C-alpha atoms as a PDB file:
ATOM      1  CA  MET A   1     113.898 127.050  84.571  1.00  0.00           C
ATOM      2  CA  SER A   2     110.284 128.122  84.093  1.00  0.00           C
ATOM      3  CA  VAL A   3     107.768 126.156  82.075  1.00  0.00           C
ATOM      4  CA  ARG A   4     108.010 128.603  79.207  1.00  0.00           C
ATOM      5  CA  GLU A   5     111.793 128.665  78.979  1.00  0.00           C
ATOM      6  CA  ALA A   6     113.552 126.430  76.463  1.00  0.00           C
ATOM      7  CA  PRO A   7     116.215 124.086  77.856  1.00  0.00           C
ATOM      8  CA  ALA A   8     119.810 124.914  76.967  1.00  0.00           C
ATOM      9  CA  SER A   9     119.861 122.023  74.494  1.00  0.00           C
ATOM     10  CA  THR A  10     117.189 123.612  72.301  1.00  0.00           C
ATOM     11  CA  GLU A  11     118.887 127.006  72.490  1.00  0.00           C
ATOM     12  CA  ARG A  12     122.045 125.472  71.053  1.00  0.00           C
ATOM     13  CA  LEU A  13     120.153 123.973  68.136  1.00  0.00           C
ATOM     14  CA  GLU A  14     118.919 127.379  66.979  1.00  0.00           C
ATOM     15  CA  HIS A  15     122.469 128.417  66.057  1.00  0.00           C
ATOM     16  CA  GLU A  16     123.146 125.380  63.854  1.00  0.00           C
ATOM     17  CA  THR A  17     122.694 125.199  60.100  1.00  0.00           C
ATOM     18  CA  PRO A  18     118.927 125.272  59.426  1.00  0.00           C
ATOM     19  CA  SER A  19     119.246 122.990  56.412  1.00  0.00           C
ATOM     20  CA  ALA A  20     120.968 120.217  58.378  1.00  0.00           C
ATOM     21  CA  ILE A  21     118.823 117.207  59.227  1.00  0.00           C
ATOM     22  CA  ARG A  22     119.240 116.658  62.942  1.00  0.00           C
ATOM     23  CA  ARG A  23     118.263 113.640  64.952  1.00  0.00           C
ATOM     24  CA  GLY A  24     115.341 114.371  67.247  1.00  0.00           C
ATOM     25  CA  VAL A  25     115.683 114.816  70.978  1.00  0.00           C
ATOM     26  CA  LEU A  26     115.082 111.832  73.255  1.00  0.00           C
ATOM     27  CA  MET A  27     113.407 112.444  76.590  1.00  0.00           C
ATOM     28  CA  PRO A  28     113.318 109.547  79.063  1.00  0.00           C
ATOM     29  CA  ILE A  29     111.275 110.392  82.185  1.00  0.00           C
ATOM     30  CA  GLY A  30     111.631 108.603  85.512  1.00  0.00           C
ATOM     31  CA  GLY A  31     107.875 108.202  85.974  1.00  0.00           C
ATOM     32  CA  ALA A  32     105.334 109.882  88.260  1.00  0.00           C
ATOM     33  CA  GLU A  33     105.913 113.232  86.544  1.00  0.00           C
ATOM     34  CA  ASP A  34     103.861 116.176  87.773  1.00  0.00           C
ATOM     35  CA  LYS A  35     100.491 116.286  85.993  1.00  0.00           C
ATOM     36  CA  PHE A  36      98.733 118.841  88.184  1.00  0.00           C
ATOM     37  CA  ASP A  37     100.827 121.932  88.987  1.00  0.00           C
ATOM     38  CA  ASP A  38     103.345 123.524  86.605  1.00  0.00           C
ATOM     39  CA  LYS A  39     103.760 120.231  84.659  1.00  0.00           C
ATOM     40  CA  LEU A  40     107.344 121.240  83.869  1.00  0.00           C
ATOM     41  CA  ILE A  41     108.393 117.984  82.204  1.00  0.00           C
ATOM     42  CA  LEU A  42     105.270 117.550  80.093  1.00  0.00           C
ATOM     43  CA  ALA A  43     105.283 121.248  79.170  1.00  0.00           C
ATOM     44  CA  THR A  44     108.921 120.953  78.089  1.00  0.00           C
ATOM     45  CA  PHE A  45     108.053 117.972  75.893  1.00  0.00           C
ATOM     46  CA  ALA A  46     105.191 119.912  74.275  1.00  0.00           C
ATOM     47  CA  GLN A  47     107.474 122.899  73.691  1.00  0.00           C
ATOM     48  CA  LEU A  48     110.209 120.749  72.114  1.00  0.00           C
ATOM     49  CA  ALA A  49     107.559 119.126  69.908  1.00  0.00           C
ATOM     50  CA  GLY A  50     106.628 122.526  68.472  1.00  0.00           C
ATOM     51  CA  GLY A  51     104.597 124.365  71.097  1.00  0.00           C
ATOM     52  CA  LYS A  52     101.234 125.435  69.711  1.00  0.00           C
ATOM     53  CA  ALA A  53     102.181 123.862  66.362  1.00  0.00           C
ATOM     54  CA  ALA A  54     102.931 120.497  68.009  1.00  0.00           C
ATOM     55  CA  ARG A  55     101.220 117.378  66.706  1.00  0.00           C
ATOM     56  CA  VAL A  56     101.563 114.844  69.508  1.00  0.00           C
ATOM     57  CA  VAL A  57     100.988 111.094  69.256  1.00  0.00           C
ATOM     58  CA  ILE A  58     100.460 109.268  72.569  1.00  0.00           C
ATOM     59  CA  VAL A  59     101.103 105.506  72.739  1.00  0.00           C
ATOM     60  CA  PRO A  60      99.615 103.945  75.924  1.00  0.00           C
ATOM     61  CA  THR A  61     100.446 100.329  75.006  1.00  0.00           C
ATOM     62  CA  ALA A  62     102.498  99.690  78.159  1.00  0.00           C
ATOM     63  CA  SER A  63      99.588 100.606  80.423  1.00  0.00           C
ATOM     64  CA  SER A  64      96.728  98.377  81.535  1.00  0.00           C
ATOM     65  CA  ILE A  65      94.720 101.497  82.442  1.00  0.00           C
ATOM     66  CA  GLU A  66      92.363 102.227  79.563  1.00  0.00           C
ATOM     67  CA  THR A  67      92.219 105.964  80.262  1.00  0.00           C
ATOM     68  CA  ALA A  68      96.014 106.478  80.483  1.00  0.00           C
ATOM     69  CA  GLY A  69      96.307 107.839  76.945  1.00  0.00           C
ATOM     70  CA  LEU A  70      93.271 110.081  77.321  1.00  0.00           C
ATOM     71  CA  ARG A  71      94.717 111.657  80.456  1.00  0.00           C
ATOM     72  CA  TYR A  72      97.863 112.728  78.594  1.00  0.00           C
ATOM     73  CA  LYS A  73      95.768 113.871  75.642  1.00  0.00           C
ATOM     74  CA  ALA A  74      93.793 116.210  77.903  1.00  0.00           C
ATOM     75  CA  ILE A  75      96.997 117.595  79.420  1.00  0.00           C
ATOM     76  CA  PHE A  76      98.632 118.307  76.054  1.00  0.00           C
ATOM     77  CA  LEU A  77      95.457 119.839  74.599  1.00  0.00           C
ATOM     78  CA  GLY A  78      95.306 122.012  77.713  1.00  0.00           C
ATOM     79  CA  MET A  79      98.740 123.293  76.668  1.00  0.00           C
ATOM     80  CA  GLU A  80      97.160 124.342  73.361  1.00  0.00           C
ATOM     81  CA  VAL A  81      99.120 122.019  71.085  1.00  0.00           C
ATOM     82  CA  GLU A  82      97.731 121.769  67.563  1.00  0.00           C
ATOM     83  CA  SER A  83      96.673 118.150  68.018  1.00  0.00           C
ATOM     84  CA  ALA A  84      97.063 115.222  70.416  1.00  0.00           C
ATOM     85  CA  GLU A  85      96.036 111.749  69.279  1.00  0.00           C
ATOM     86  CA  VAL A  86      96.016 108.501  71.225  1.00  0.00           C
ATOM     87  CA  VAL A  87      97.210 105.530  69.173  1.00  0.00           C
ATOM     88  CA  TYR A  88      95.967 102.226  70.593  1.00  0.00           C
ATOM     89  CA  ILE A  89      98.115  99.188  69.862  1.00  0.00           C
ATOM     90  CA  GLY A  90      96.630  96.048  71.373  1.00  0.00           C
ATOM     91  CA  SER A  91      98.423  93.454  69.247  1.00  0.00           C
ATOM     92  CA  ARG A  92     101.347  93.005  66.891  1.00  0.00           C
ATOM     93  CA  ASP A  93      98.866  93.108  64.012  1.00  0.00           C
ATOM     94  CA  ASP A  94      97.903  96.613  65.142  1.00  0.00           C
ATOM     95  CA  ALA A  95     101.585  97.608  65.277  1.00  0.00           C
ATOM     96  CA  ASN A  96     102.024  96.492  61.676  1.00  0.00           C
ATOM     97  CA  SER A  97      98.817  98.026  60.352  1.00  0.00           C
ATOM     98  CA  GLU A  98      98.783 100.944  57.946  1.00  0.00           C
ATOM     99  CA  HIS A  99      96.048 102.631  59.966  1.00  0.00           C
ATOM    100  CA  VAL A 100      98.238 102.862  63.078  1.00  0.00           C
ATOM    101  CA  ILE A 101     101.381 103.836  61.180  1.00  0.00           C
ATOM    102  CA  ASP A 102      99.565 106.661  59.380  1.00  0.00           C
ATOM    103  CA  HIS A 103      99.055 108.425  62.719  1.00  0.00           C
ATOM    104  CA  VAL A 104     102.802 108.849  63.204  1.00  0.00           C
ATOM    105  CA  LYS A 105     103.733 110.175  59.761  1.00  0.00           C
ATOM    106  CA  ASP A 106     102.906 113.811  60.560  1.00  0.00           C
ATOM    107  CA  ALA A 107     103.746 113.746  64.277  1.00  0.00           C
ATOM    108  CA  THR A 108     106.198 116.265  65.713  1.00  0.00           C
ATOM    109  CA  GLY A 109     106.300 114.505  69.086  1.00  0.00           C
ATOM    110  CA  ILE A 110     105.773 110.890  70.186  1.00  0.00           C
ATOM    111  CA  PHE A 111     105.009 110.082  73.826  1.00  0.00           C
ATOM    112  CA  LEU A 112     105.157 106.538  75.281  1.00  0.00           C
ATOM    113  CA  THR A 113     103.289 106.124  78.565  1.00  0.00           C
ATOM    114  CA  GLY A 114     104.327 104.060  81.558  1.00  0.00           C
ATOM    115  CA  GLY A 115     103.210 100.597  82.544  1.00  0.00           C
ATOM    116  CA  ASN A 116     104.778  97.239  81.758  1.00  0.00           C
ATOM    117  CA  GLN A 117     107.839  97.485  79.522  1.00  0.00           C
ATOM    118  CA  MET A 118     107.617  93.795  78.586  1.00  0.00           C
ATOM    119  CA  ARG A 119     104.111  94.429  77.267  1.00  0.00           C
ATOM    120  CA  LEU A 120     105.455  97.346  75.238  1.00  0.00           C
ATOM    121  CA  SER A 121     108.338  95.274  73.890  1.00  0.00           C
ATOM    122  CA  ALA A 122     106.197  92.227  73.093  1.00  0.00           C
ATOM    123  CA  MET A 123     103.516  94.260  71.293  1.00  0.00           C
ATOM    124  CA  ILE A 124     105.762  96.648  69.331  1.00  0.00           C
ATOM    125  CA  GLY A 125     109.312  95.266  69.216  1.00  0.00           C
ATOM    126  CA  GLY A 126     110.362  94.384  65.664  1.00  0.00           C
ATOM    127  CA  THR A 127     107.193  95.762  64.073  1.00  0.00           C
ATOM    128  CA  ARG A 128     106.665  98.409  61.410  1.00  0.00           C
ATOM    129  CA  PHE A 129     105.519 100.808  64.120  1.00  0.00           C
ATOM    130  CA  GLU A 130     108.830 100.523  65.969  1.00  0.00           C
ATOM    131  CA  GLN A 131     110.675 101.250  62.716  1.00  0.00           C
ATOM    132  CA  VAL A 132     108.445 104.250  61.987  1.00  0.00           C
ATOM    133  CA  VAL A 133     109.178 105.671  65.454  1.00  0.00           C
ATOM    134  CA  ARG A 134     112.908 105.179  64.881  1.00  0.00           C
ATOM    135  CA  ASP A 135     112.680 106.826  61.448  1.00  0.00           C
ATOM    136  CA  ALA A 136     110.706 109.741  62.898  1.00  0.00           C
ATOM    137  CA  ASN A 137     113.380 110.376  65.513  1.00  0.00           C
ATOM    138  CA  GLU A 138     116.079 110.236  62.844  1.00  0.00           C
ATOM    139  CA  ARG A 139     114.352 113.031  60.932  1.00  0.00           C
ATOM    140  CA  GLY A 140     113.993 115.262  63.978  1.00  0.00           C
ATOM    141  CA  VAL A 141     110.877 114.185  65.886  1.00  0.00           C
ATOM    142  CA  ILE A 142     111.183 114.211  69.681  1.00  0.00           C
ATOM    143  CA  VAL A 143     110.420 110.859  71.310  1.00  0.00           C
ATOM    144  CA  ALA A 144     109.663 110.807  75.031  1.00  0.00           C
ATOM    145  CA  GLY A 145     108.777 107.966  77.340  1.00  0.00           C
ATOM    146  CA  THR A 146     107.851 107.840  80.999  1.00  0.00           C
ATOM    147  CA  SER A 147     108.641 104.893  83.303  1.00  0.00           C
ATOM    148  CA  ALA A 148     108.396 101.802  81.062  1.00  0.00           C
ATOM    149  CA  GLY A 149     108.315 104.128  78.067  1.00  0.00           C
ATOM    150  CA  ALA A 150     111.696 105.520  79.178  1.00  0.00           C
ATOM    151  CA  SER A 151     113.407 102.151  79.574  1.00  0.00           C
ATOM    152  CA  ILE A 152     112.473 100.954  76.103  1.00  0.00           C
ATOM    153  CA  LEU A 153     114.034 103.920  74.298  1.00  0.00           C
ATOM    154  CA  SER A 154     117.514 102.381  74.509  1.00  0.00           C
ATOM    155  CA  ALA A 155     118.861  99.365  72.640  1.00  0.00           C
ATOM    156  CA  HIS A 156     119.259  97.486  75.935  1.00  0.00           C
ATOM    157  CA  MET A 157     116.171  97.564  78.172  1.00  0.00           C
ATOM    158  CA  VAL A 158     115.750  96.625  81.828  1.00  0.00           C
ATOM    159  CA  ALA A 159     112.877  94.167  81.577  1.00  0.00           C
ATOM    160  CA  LEU A 160     112.443  93.298  85.243  1.00  0.00           C
ATOM    161  CA  GLY A 161     114.436  93.088  88.437  1.00  0.00           C
ATOM    162  CA  ALA A 162     114.632  93.378  92.196  1.00  0.00           C
ATOM    163  CA  SER A 163     115.218  96.397  94.418  1.00  0.00           C
ATOM    164  CA  GLY A 164     118.105  96.838  96.836  1.00  0.00           C
ATOM    165  CA  GLY A 165     121.386  98.631  97.294  1.00  0.00           C
ATOM    166  CA  THR A 166     123.701  95.629  96.869  1.00  0.00           C
ATOM    167  CA  PRO A 167     124.374  94.302  93.356  1.00  0.00           C
ATOM    168  CA  LYS A 168     123.585  90.590  92.968  1.00  0.00           C
ATOM    169  CA  LEU A 169     123.762  88.072  90.185  1.00  0.00           C
ATOM    170  CA  ARG A 170     120.453  87.662  88.310  1.00  0.00           C
ATOM    171  CA  MET A 171     119.119  90.758  90.049  1.00  0.00           C
ATOM    172  CA  ALA A 172     117.770  92.090  86.753  1.00  0.00           C
ATOM    173  CA  GLN A 173     117.043  90.931  83.248  1.00  0.00           C
ATOM    174  CA  MET A 174     117.716  92.818  80.036  1.00  0.00           C
ATOM    175  CA  VAL A 175     116.026  92.446  76.657  1.00  0.00           C
ATOM    176  CA  ALA A 176     116.212  94.427  73.431  1.00  0.00           C
ATOM    177  CA  GLY A 177     114.625  97.869  73.423  1.00  0.00           C
ATOM    178  CA  PHE A 178     113.695 100.136  70.518  1.00  0.00           C
ATOM    179  CA  GLY A 179     117.307 101.140  69.890  1.00  0.00           C
ATOM    180  CA  LEU A 180     116.776 104.897  69.638  1.00  0.00           C
ATOM    181  CA  ILE A 181     120.000 105.242  71.597  1.00  0.00           C
ATOM    182  CA  SER A 182     122.776 102.690  72.031  1.00  0.00           C
ATOM    183  CA  ASN A 183     125.392 102.040  74.729  1.00  0.00           C
ATOM    184  CA  VAL A 184     123.004 103.100  77.501  1.00  0.00           C
ATOM    185  CA  ILE A 185     120.811 101.338  80.079  1.00  0.00           C
ATOM    186  CA  ILE A 186     117.903 103.459  81.338  1.00  0.00           C
ATOM    187  CA  ASP A 187     116.251 102.669  84.670  1.00  0.00           C
ATOM    188  CA  GLN A 188     113.403 104.650  86.227  1.00  0.00           C
ATOM    189  CA  HIS A 189     111.640 105.321  89.577  1.00  0.00           C
ATOM    190  CA  PHE A 190     115.285 105.074  90.551  1.00  0.00           C
ATOM    191  CA  ARG A 191     115.947 106.260  94.096  1.00  0.00           C
ATOM    192  CA  GLN A 192     112.283 105.990  95.071  1.00  0.00           C
ATOM    193  CA  ARG A 193     112.419 102.207  94.447  1.00  0.00           C
ATOM    194  CA  ASP A 194     116.043 101.679  95.524  1.00  0.00           C
ATOM    195  CA  ARG A 195     117.352 100.424  92.169  1.00  0.00           C
ATOM    196  CA  ILE A 196     121.056 101.238  92.473  1.00  0.00           C
ATOM    197  CA  GLY A 197     121.957  97.589  93.097  1.00  0.00           C
ATOM    198  CA  ARG A 198     120.386  96.330  89.913  1.00  0.00           C
ATOM    199  CA  LEU A 199     121.876  99.119  87.798  1.00  0.00           C
ATOM    200  CA  LEU A 200     125.338  98.344  89.217  1.00  0.00           C
ATOM    201  CA  SER A 201     124.848  94.651  88.459  1.00  0.00           C
ATOM    202  CA  LEU A 202     123.798  95.389  84.876  1.00  0.00           C
ATOM    203  CA  VAL A 203     126.759  97.699  84.284  1.00  0.00           C
ATOM    204  CA  ALA A 204     129.094  95.145  85.888  1.00  0.00           C
ATOM    205  CA  SER A 205     127.934  92.557  83.358  1.00  0.00           C
ATOM    206  CA  ASN A 206     127.997  95.091  80.489  1.00  0.00           C
ATOM    207  CA  PRO A 207     130.830  97.541  81.337  1.00  0.00           C
ATOM    208  CA  GLY A 208     130.636  99.299  77.977  1.00  0.00           C
ATOM    209  CA  LEU A 209     127.121 100.520  78.723  1.00  0.00           C
ATOM    210  CA  LEU A 210     126.439 103.734  80.612  1.00  0.00           C
ATOM    211  CA  GLY A 211     123.792 103.361  83.307  1.00  0.00           C
ATOM    212  CA  LEU A 212     121.194 106.131  83.678  1.00  0.00           C
ATOM    213  CA  GLY A 213     119.004 105.937  86.779  1.00  0.00           C
ATOM    214  CA  ILE A 214     116.259 108.563  86.573  1.00  0.00           C
ATOM    215  CA  ASP A 215     114.271 109.594  89.646  1.00  0.00           C
ATOM    216  CA  GLU A 216     110.532 110.172  89.610  1.00  0.00           C
ATOM    217  CA  ASP A 217     109.309 113.555  88.340  1.00  0.00           C
ATOM    218  CA  THR A 218     112.692 113.957  86.649  1.00  0.00           C
ATOM    219  CA  ALA A 219     113.744 113.666  83.007  1.00  0.00           C
ATOM    220  CA  VAL A 220     116.810 113.892  80.836  1.00  0.00           C
ATOM    221  CA  ILE A 221     116.853 115.652  77.498  1.00  0.00           C
ATOM    222  CA  ILE A 222     119.309 113.876  75.206  1.00  0.00           C
ATOM    223  CA  ASP A 223     120.406 115.854  72.157  1.00  0.00           C
ATOM    224  CA  GLU A 224     121.798 114.477  68.898  1.00  0.00           C
ATOM    225  CA  HIS A 225     125.370 114.907  70.179  1.00  0.00           C
ATOM    226  CA  GLY A 226     124.811 112.661  73.195  1.00  0.00           C
ATOM    227  CA  VAL A 227     124.695 115.527  75.703  1.00  0.00           C
ATOM    228  CA  ILE A 228     122.047 115.158  78.384  1.00  0.00           C
ATOM    229  CA  GLU A 229     120.374 117.856  80.453  1.00  0.00           C
ATOM    230  CA  VAL A 230     118.469 117.120  83.650  1.00  0.00           C
ATOM    231  CA  ILE A 231     115.093 118.747  84.307  1.00  0.00           C
ATOM    232  CA  GLY A 232     112.426 118.185  86.934  1.00  0.00           C
ATOM    233  CA  ARG A 233     112.300 117.856  90.696  1.00  0.00           C
ATOM    234  CA  HIS A 234     114.956 115.293  91.638  1.00  0.00           C
ATOM    235  CA  SER A 235     118.156 113.854  90.153  1.00  0.00           C
ATOM    236  CA  VAL A 236     119.761 111.400  87.746  1.00  0.00           C
ATOM    237  CA  THR A 237     122.371 108.838  88.792  1.00  0.00           C
ATOM    238  CA  ILE A 238     124.922 107.893  86.149  1.00  0.00           C
ATOM    239  CA  VAL A 239     127.035 104.731  86.466  1.00  0.00           C
ATOM    240  CA  ASP A 240     130.171 104.613  84.300  1.00  0.00           C
ATOM    241  CA  GLY A 241     131.698 101.141  84.240  1.00  0.00           C
ATOM    242  CA  SER A 242     134.475 101.781  81.727  1.00  0.00           C
ATOM    243  CA  GLU A 243     137.128 101.172  84.425  1.00  0.00           C
ATOM    244  CA  ILE A 244     135.086  98.865  86.635  1.00  0.00           C
ATOM    245  CA  PHE A 245     136.301  95.758  88.436  1.00  0.00           C
ATOM    246  CA  SER A 246     133.796  93.068  89.390  1.00  0.00           C
ATOM    247  CA  ASP A 247     133.791  89.369  90.210  1.00  0.00           C
ATOM    248  CA  ILE A 248     130.433  88.798  88.532  1.00  0.00           C
ATOM    249  CA  PHE A 249     131.814  85.930  86.431  1.00  0.00           C
ATOM    250  CA  GLN A 250     132.737  84.032  89.624  1.00  0.00           C
ATOM    251  CA  VAL A 251     129.483  84.552  91.518  1.00  0.00           C
ATOM    252  CA  LYS A 252     127.003  81.685  91.749  1.00  0.00           C
ATOM    253  CA  ALA A 253     123.211  81.589  91.928  1.00  0.00           C
ATOM    254  CA  TYR A 254     121.937  84.887  93.378  1.00  0.00           C
ATOM    255  CA  GLY A 255     125.146  85.798  95.166  1.00  0.00           C
ATOM    256  CA  GLU A 256     126.359  89.311  95.905  1.00  0.00           C
ATOM    257  CA  ILE A 257     128.787  90.929  93.446  1.00  0.00           C
ATOM    258  CA  THR A 258     131.931  92.843  94.317  1.00  0.00           C
ATOM    259  CA  VAL A 259     132.035  96.115  92.366  1.00  0.00           C
ATOM    260  CA  SER A 260     135.006  98.470  92.496  1.00  0.00           C
ATOM    261  CA  ASN A 261     136.068 101.569  90.590  1.00  0.00           C
ATOM    262  CA  ALA A 262     132.664 102.248  89.105  1.00  0.00           C
ATOM    263  CA  ARG A 263     132.350 106.005  88.590  1.00  0.00           C
ATOM    264  CA  LEU A 264     129.110 107.488  89.901  1.00  0.00           C
ATOM    265  CA  HIS A 265     127.731 110.898  88.963  1.00  0.00           C
ATOM    266  CA  LEU A 266     124.617 112.350  90.561  1.00  0.00           C
ATOM    267  CA  LEU A 267     123.200 115.219  88.513  1.00  0.00           C
ATOM    268  CA  THR A 268     120.637 117.693  89.803  1.00  0.00           C
ATOM    269  CA  PRO A 269     118.285 119.730  87.578  1.00  0.00           C
ATOM    270  CA  GLY A 270     120.064 122.059  85.182  1.00  0.00           C
ATOM    271  CA  ARG A 271     123.225 119.960  85.024  1.00  0.00           C
ATOM    272  CA  ARG A 272     124.530 118.653  81.706  1.00  0.00           C
ATOM    273  CA  PHE A 273     126.643 115.583  80.972  1.00  0.00           C
ATOM    274  CA  ASP A 274     128.432 114.472  77.790  1.00  0.00           C
ATOM    275  CA  MET A 275     127.859 110.752  77.292  1.00  0.00           C
ATOM    276  CA  ARG A 276     130.620 110.526  74.674  1.00  0.00           C
ATOM    277  CA  THR A 277     133.369 111.793  76.991  1.00  0.00           C
ATOM    278  CA  ARG A 278     131.502 110.571  80.084  1.00  0.00           C
ATOM    279  CA  SER A 279     132.080 113.860  81.862  1.00  0.00           C
ATOM    280  CA  LEU A 280     130.165 116.764  83.350  1.00  0.00           C
ATOM    281  CA  VAL A 281     129.715 119.733  81.020  1.00  0.00           C
ATOM    282  CA  ALA A 282     130.972 122.902  82.691  1.00  0.00           C
ATOM    283  CA  GLY A 283     128.649 125.860  83.102  1.00  0.00           C
END
């Protein structure tokens, strides 16, 4: 798919009833997305936000790098969007202030940068700003997040954890995310940081949740029907624990967990997956 082509998910939306209010697309990104060459993922976000009519709000709260928001602003303005504003939230007071909330009211796209997801959760979780972001997505605004910004999109967020291929007890910790999507755990920098063990351990302890492990420079576009489409350079690992067996409730301390009958899907760019039926979409 070229930078200027719309993903299949947006093509489908064009044939639906124009008057219907549709939930906005969610776009979790695995981190380290290309910012120098064709910028496929960022260009796709800008296109889904409205192209040249896009009004993008960038939230760099998770990052400790002061220029993180400005870097994305320059990229999006270089794509000739109508506007790109950086919204700085340095405290919970900021996240509840009218001044900050006003920036989001007219946005057509909201972008959460990477960094520390606990910082993002602690600063914004449960505030008016979080509610405004949720409301914006409900009325059709695309919300994207990269790295930490990806993990916090779901109701259940990976807060921290260890790397490794073998699932272990207490390998990862979950806290509440923004709740833009439920029944999903999103992990990022996935294969590059060897995070399959912790995702398996989280699904083993929460078998009703679908695990999404997103590689670097890779993203999933999640439409309002729960269908995801993979774009970018690498792949997405999906862990379905609906029929899983594990002995996690018997394991002590930091012991290794037996996991059996977990269904794994590895999706390359262009592939689509229905999270409701937990199956690959043909074609």
